[in-house]
């Protein structure tokens, strides 16, 4: 069987795809997450955050970096039954309240969203997974106009 060069980067053993979560300014919604590799979340630590992107007001372009002094929002987690592998991430209606930019018609603003799940191991015996990461897109809403 032929083998590839040791420096070949054709296969990634840990793969993921970045996600786009699109919400409307002032909307409060939940993301249902099923943790497919686990059957029971008892004893796990779950953390979700949004970090404000380096948005340029009025452009609607996707940032490639966090803001210089980003607003960081810890997202609430709802897990009413830890003996299964399902949870909900709450995107609060105030998620961009501390951001320096706001969405305009056809010009959204963006943040970076991520989910972390850690087991109860200690030191080298602990595993920490990051199964969701991507962009949070916040679109304009006339009801939020002041």
Protein backbone atom coordinates (compact mmCIF):
# COMPACT_ATOMS: atom_id res chain seq x y z
CA UNK A 1 0.00 0.00 0.00
CA UNK A 2 1.47 3.40 -0.95
CA UNK A 3 1.89 5.93 1.81
CA UNK A 4 1.77 9.70 1.64
CA UNK A 5 4.63 11.95 2.70
CA UNK A 6 4.81 12.62 6.44
CA UNK A 7 4.31 16.31 5.72
CA UNK A 8 1.16 15.75 3.65
CA UNK A 9 -1.79 17.81 4.86
CA UNK A 10 -4.47 16.13 2.77
CA UNK A 11 -6.41 14.70 5.71
CA UNK A 12 -7.41 16.40 8.95
CA UNK A 13 -8.13 13.94 11.76
CA UNK A 14 -10.25 16.46 13.65
CA UNK A 15 -12.62 18.27 11.33
CA UNK A 16 -15.30 20.88 11.73
CA UNK A 17 -17.05 23.43 9.62
CA UNK A 18 -17.57 26.97 10.80
CA UNK A 19 -21.23 27.86 11.16
CA UNK A 20 -23.22 31.01 10.46
CA UNK A 21 -25.89 31.81 13.04
CA UNK A 22 -28.12 34.57 11.70
CA UNK A 23 -30.45 36.47 14.05
CA UNK A 24 -32.40 39.70 13.89
CA UNK A 25 -31.42 42.60 16.19
CA UNK A 26 -33.55 42.30 19.34
CA UNK A 27 -34.59 38.72 18.65
CA UNK A 28 -34.16 36.16 21.43
CA UNK A 29 -33.82 32.62 20.19
CA UNK A 30 -32.35 29.25 21.09
CA UNK A 31 -30.02 26.91 19.27
CA UNK A 32 -30.73 23.23 19.83
CA UNK A 33 -27.51 21.24 20.09
CA UNK A 34 -27.19 17.46 20.12
CA UNK A 35 -23.77 16.28 21.29
CA UNK A 36 -23.54 13.20 19.08
CA UNK A 37 -20.44 11.60 20.63
CA UNK A 38 -21.90 11.59 24.18
CA UNK A 39 -25.01 10.04 25.64
CA UNK A 40 -25.05 11.78 29.02
CA UNK A 41 -23.96 15.34 29.91
CA UNK A 42 -24.00 14.83 33.68
CA UNK A 43 -20.83 16.34 35.19
CA UNK A 44 -19.80 18.20 32.02
CA UNK A 45 -19.03 21.92 32.00
CA UNK A 46 -20.64 23.74 29.08
CA UNK A 47 -19.70 27.27 28.01
CA UNK A 48 -20.85 29.35 25.04
CA UNK A 49 -19.63 32.84 24.19
CA UNK A 50 -19.94 35.54 21.56
CA UNK A 51 -17.01 37.90 20.95
CA UNK A 52 -17.71 41.17 19.14
CA UNK A 53 -16.14 41.30 15.70
CA UNK A 54 -14.10 44.18 14.33
CA UNK A 55 -17.12 45.53 12.44
CA UNK A 56 -16.94 48.70 10.35
CA UNK A 57 -20.22 50.58 10.75
CA UNK A 58 -22.29 50.73 7.57
CA UNK A 59 -20.32 48.19 5.52
CA UNK A 60 -21.88 44.82 6.41
CA UNK A 61 -18.57 43.08 5.72
CA UNK A 62 -17.60 40.00 7.69
CA UNK A 63 -14.73 40.75 10.07
CA UNK A 64 -11.66 38.56 10.23
CA UNK A 65 -10.64 39.72 13.71
CA UNK A 66 -12.27 40.48 17.05
CA UNK A 67 -12.85 44.15 17.90
CA UNK A 68 -9.90 45.94 19.53
CA UNK A 69 -11.63 45.89 22.94
CA UNK A 70 -14.42 43.41 22.23
CA UNK A 71 -17.62 43.02 24.16
CA UNK A 72 -17.69 39.36 25.26
CA UNK A 73 -21.06 37.83 26.08
CA UNK A 74 -21.44 34.52 27.90
CA UNK A 75 -24.52 32.86 26.45
CA UNK A 76 -26.98 31.12 28.78
CA UNK A 77 -27.22 27.34 28.47
CA UNK A 78 -30.50 25.53 29.09
CA UNK A 79 -30.07 21.86 29.92
CA UNK A 80 -33.10 20.63 31.83
CA UNK A 81 -32.08 16.97 31.50
CA UNK A 82 -28.35 16.34 31.89
CA UNK A 83 -28.83 12.58 31.52
CA UNK A 84 -29.23 13.00 27.74
CA UNK A 85 -27.02 14.58 25.09
CA UNK A 86 -29.10 17.65 24.23
CA UNK A 87 -28.85 21.28 25.29
CA UNK A 88 -29.97 24.70 24.13
CA UNK A 89 -27.85 27.81 23.70
CA UNK A 90 -29.78 31.02 24.28
CA UNK A 91 -29.01 33.97 22.02
CA UNK A 92 -30.37 36.80 24.20
CA UNK A 93 -32.09 39.80 22.68
CA UNK A 94 -29.37 41.97 24.25
CA UNK A 95 -26.45 40.07 22.71
CA UNK A 96 -25.09 43.17 20.91
CA UNK A 97 -26.11 45.77 23.52
CA UNK A 98 -22.46 46.53 24.31
CA UNK A 99 -21.17 46.52 20.73
CA UNK A 100 -19.75 49.66 19.14
CA UNK A 101 -21.64 49.01 15.87
CA UNK A 102 -25.26 48.23 15.04
CA UNK A 103 -26.85 46.65 11.99
CA UNK A 104 -28.31 48.77 9.20
CA UNK A 105 -30.65 47.61 6.41
CA UNK A 106 -28.71 45.07 4.32
CA UNK A 107 -25.59 45.72 6.43
CA UNK A 108 -25.39 43.23 9.32
CA UNK A 109 -22.81 43.20 12.10
CA UNK A 110 -20.91 40.10 13.21
CA UNK A 111 -19.44 38.42 16.23
CA UNK A 112 -17.62 35.15 16.73
CA UNK A 113 -19.59 32.38 18.48
CA UNK A 114 -18.21 29.26 20.12
CA UNK A 115 -19.29 26.34 22.31
CA UNK A 116 -17.00 24.44 24.68
CA UNK A 117 -17.79 21.17 26.47
CA UNK A 118 -15.39 19.82 29.12
CA UNK A 119 -15.60 16.56 31.03
CA UNK A 120 -14.82 16.35 34.74
CA UNK A 121 -11.29 14.99 34.33
CA UNK A 122 -8.33 16.79 35.90
CA UNK A 123 -5.12 17.85 34.14
CA UNK A 124 -4.11 15.48 31.34
CA UNK A 125 -7.15 13.31 32.08
CA UNK A 126 -9.58 16.06 31.06
CA UNK A 127 -10.97 16.32 27.55
CA UNK A 128 -12.28 19.61 26.20
CA UNK A 129 -14.25 19.71 22.94
CA UNK A 130 -15.18 22.74 20.84
CA UNK A 131 -17.97 21.38 18.63
CA UNK A 132 -19.39 24.69 17.41
CA UNK A 133 -17.63 27.83 16.25
CA UNK A 134 -18.40 30.39 13.63
CA UNK A 135 -19.99 33.75 13.01
CA UNK A 136 -23.03 35.29 14.66
CA UNK A 137 -24.67 37.56 12.11
CA UNK A 138 -27.05 40.20 13.50
CA UNK A 139 -29.38 41.77 10.95
CA UNK A 140 -31.34 45.03 11.11
CA UNK A 141 -34.79 45.23 12.67
CA UNK A 142 -37.05 48.29 12.40
CA UNK A 143 -38.45 47.57 15.88
CA UNK A 144 -35.00 48.19 17.38
CA UNK A 145 -34.57 51.58 15.72
CA UNK A 146 -34.37 54.47 18.17
